[in-house]
Amino acid sequence: MAKEPMKLVANNKKAYHDYFIEEKIETGICLHGTEVKSLRMGKCSIKEAFIRIEKGEVFVYGMHISPYEKGNIFNKDPLRVRKLLLHKYEINKLAGKIAEKGYTLVPLQVYFKDGRAKVEIGLAKGKKLYDKRQDIAKKDQRRENERDFKIRNL
């Protein structure tokens, strides 16, 4: 039986703009039936989402999974708090890092891997305004170089 490729559901580009991502961790997510069906249809947003560690458990807040059209009474609240599944040692390691000044956890991607919903979270450090400006300047410079290269090769 061939392994199915990773199917991306949602991507958080804003996180890469607002934070320096220092470490990435793949986690499972605790979902109810109709939420999985909605995710398979690609109806998920993690732009406003953030992650907290409470009492030794990891939760994602603000992750919006649209209600499933055919789900009627079985649909859950689209913005409900969802538990992320990690080993205890991973949670303790992350809690130690977050205790340091300036670190936070942000969701980067939601995807299906081998039929299971996964969330990639990133240990992130906030960017200052001048860091963001530098990134924008680099991106503009790269775009300009590509344009020049394209014109020269015509």
Protein backbone atom coordinates (compact mmCIF):
# COMPACT_ATOMS: atom_id res chain seq x y z
CA MET A 1 0.00 0.00 0.00
CA ALA A 2 1.51 3.32 -1.09
CA LYS A 3 1.78 6.17 1.39
CA GLU A 4 -0.41 9.09 0.47
CA PRO A 5 1.40 12.43 0.18
CA MET A 6 0.98 15.18 2.73
CA LYS A 7 -2.19 17.17 1.95
CA LEU A 8 -1.90 20.79 3.06
CA VAL A 9 -5.11 22.28 4.48
CA ALA A 10 -4.02 25.66 5.88
CA ASN A 11 -0.80 27.66 5.92
CA ASN A 12 0.11 30.58 8.19
CA LYS A 13 2.24 32.93 6.09
CA LYS A 14 1.66 35.75 8.57
CA ALA A 15 3.63 33.83 11.23
CA TYR A 16 6.77 33.88 9.07
CA HIS A 17 6.35 37.65 8.63
CA ASP A 18 5.78 38.43 12.32
CA TYR A 19 8.16 35.94 13.95
CA PHE A 20 11.56 34.27 13.66
CA ILE A 21 10.71 30.55 13.64
CA GLU A 22 13.44 28.76 15.59
CA GLU A 23 12.04 25.25 15.88
CA LYS A 24 9.20 23.30 14.23
CA ILE A 25 7.25 20.48 15.87
CA GLU A 26 4.60 18.20 14.36
CA THR A 27 1.63 17.60 16.65
CA GLY A 28 -1.64 15.73 16.45
CA ILE A 29 -4.92 17.54 17.08
CA CYS A 30 -8.01 16.39 18.97
CA LEU A 31 -11.04 16.86 16.68
CA HIS A 32 -14.69 15.79 16.54
CA GLY A 33 -16.24 13.98 13.54
CA THR A 34 -17.65 16.82 11.46
CA GLU A 35 -14.52 18.93 12.01
CA VAL A 36 -12.43 16.28 10.26
CA LYS A 37 -14.80 16.31 7.26
CA SER A 38 -14.63 20.09 7.12
CA LEU A 39 -10.81 19.98 7.28
CA ARG A 40 -10.72 17.47 4.41
CA MET A 41 -12.67 20.03 2.34
CA GLY A 42 -9.99 22.63 3.19
CA LYS A 43 -12.19 24.88 5.33
CA CYS A 44 -9.72 25.98 7.99
CA SER A 45 -7.99 29.23 8.95
CA ILE A 46 -5.08 29.67 11.37
CA LYS A 47 -4.22 33.31 10.66
CA GLU A 48 -5.42 34.54 14.06
CA ALA A 49 -4.55 31.36 15.99
CA PHE A 50 -2.16 31.09 18.93
CA ILE A 51 -1.07 28.32 21.29
CA ARG A 52 -0.94 28.16 25.09
CA ILE A 53 0.32 25.57 27.56
CA GLU A 54 -2.05 25.14 30.50
CA LYS A 55 -1.66 22.57 33.31
CA GLY A 56 0.73 20.42 31.27
CA GLU A 57 -1.49 20.37 28.16
CA VAL A 58 -1.19 22.30 24.90
CA PHE A 59 -4.22 24.08 23.42
CA VAL A 60 -4.74 26.04 20.21
CA TYR A 61 -7.00 29.10 20.38
CA GLY A 62 -8.59 30.99 17.49
CA MET A 63 -8.26 28.20 14.93
CA HIS A 64 -11.36 28.49 12.76
CA ILE A 65 -12.76 25.29 11.26
CA SER A 66 -15.96 26.09 9.33
CA PRO A 67 -19.03 24.01 10.22
CA TYR A 68 -19.67 21.04 7.92
CA GLU A 69 -22.71 21.73 5.69
CA LYS A 70 -24.27 18.31 6.19
CA GLY A 71 -23.38 18.13 9.88
CA ASN A 72 -26.51 19.83 11.35
CA ILE A 73 -26.66 19.16 15.13
CA PHE A 74 -23.29 17.41 15.22
CA ASN A 75 -21.35 20.58 14.31
CA LYS A 76 -19.19 22.10 17.05
CA ASP A 77 -18.33 25.75 17.62
CA PRO A 78 -15.96 26.83 14.78
CA LEU A 79 -13.64 28.72 17.16
CA ARG A 80 -13.61 26.27 20.06
CA VAL A 81 -10.36 25.57 21.91
CA ARG A 82 -8.71 22.40 20.61
CA LYS A 83 -6.16 20.21 22.34
CA LEU A 84 -2.85 19.43 20.64
CA LEU A 85 -1.33 16.01 21.18
CA LEU A 86 2.30 15.95 22.30
CA HIS A 87 4.43 13.76 24.56
CA LYS A 88 4.98 15.02 28.12
CA TYR A 89 8.72 15.56 27.58
CA GLU A 90 8.01 17.67 24.47
CA ILE A 91 5.51 19.80 26.42
CA ASN A 92 8.02 20.29 29.24
CA LYS A 93 10.74 21.29 26.76
CA LEU A 94 8.41 23.83 25.10
CA ALA A 95 7.23 25.20 28.46
CA GLY A 96 10.87 25.79 29.43
CA LYS A 97 11.56 27.66 26.18
CA ILE A 98 8.40 29.78 26.49
CA ALA A 99 9.42 30.83 30.00
CA GLU A 100 12.31 32.67 28.36
CA LYS A 101 11.54 36.24 27.37
CA GLY A 102 10.13 36.81 23.89
CA TYR A 103 9.25 33.22 22.93
CA THR A 104 5.81 32.02 21.90
CA LEU A 105 4.15 29.13 20.08
CA VAL A 106 2.35 29.70 16.77
CA PRO A 107 0.62 27.25 14.43
CA LEU A 108 2.35 27.18 11.03
CA GLN A 109 0.45 24.56 9.01
CA VAL A 110 -2.52 22.21 9.22
CA TYR A 111 -2.26 19.13 7.02
CA PHE A 112 -3.18 15.47 6.68
CA LYS A 113 -0.40 12.91 6.96
CA ASP A 114 -1.29 9.22 6.52
CA GLY A 115 -4.96 10.09 6.99
CA ARG A 116 -4.45 11.90 10.30
CA ALA A 117 -4.84 15.63 10.88
CA LYS A 118 -1.59 17.24 12.01
CA VAL A 119 -0.62 20.75 13.09
CA GLU A 120 2.91 22.01 12.65
CA ILE A 121 3.71 24.44 15.45
CA GLY A 122 6.70 26.72 15.63
CA LEU A 123 8.68 28.00 18.58
CA ALA A 124 8.90 31.64 17.60
CA LYS A 125 10.55 34.85 18.72
CA GLY A 126 8.81 38.12 17.82
CA LYS A 127 10.28 40.38 15.17
CA LYS A 128 10.80 44.07 15.68
CA LEU A 129 9.57 46.57 13.09
CA TYR A 130 13.06 47.05 11.63
CA ASP A 131 13.42 43.26 11.15
CA LYS A 132 10.19 43.22 9.14
CA ARG A 133 11.43 46.14 7.04
CA GLN A 134 14.66 44.24 6.33
CA ASP A 135 12.66 41.19 5.20
CA ILE A 136 10.51 43.32 2.91
CA ALA A 137 13.62 44.99 1.45
CA LYS A 138 15.23 41.58 0.82
CA LYS A 139 12.07 40.30 -0.86
CA ASP A 140 11.88 43.43 -3.08
CA GLN A 141 15.58 43.06 -4.00
CA ARG A 142 15.11 39.37 -4.89
CA ARG A 143 12.04 40.18 -7.01
CA GLU A 144 13.97 42.95 -8.80
CA ASN A 145 16.91 40.61 -9.48
CA GLU A 146 14.57 37.97 -10.90
CA ARG A 147 12.94 40.58 -13.14
CA ASP A 148 16.34 41.79 -14.41
CA PHE A 149 17.45 38.21 -15.04
CA LYS A 150 14.23 37.48 -16.97
CA ILE A 151 14.66 40.60 -19.14
CA ARG A 152 18.29 39.74 -19.91
CA ASN A 153 17.43 36.19 -20.95
CA LEU A 154 14.67 37.08 -23.43
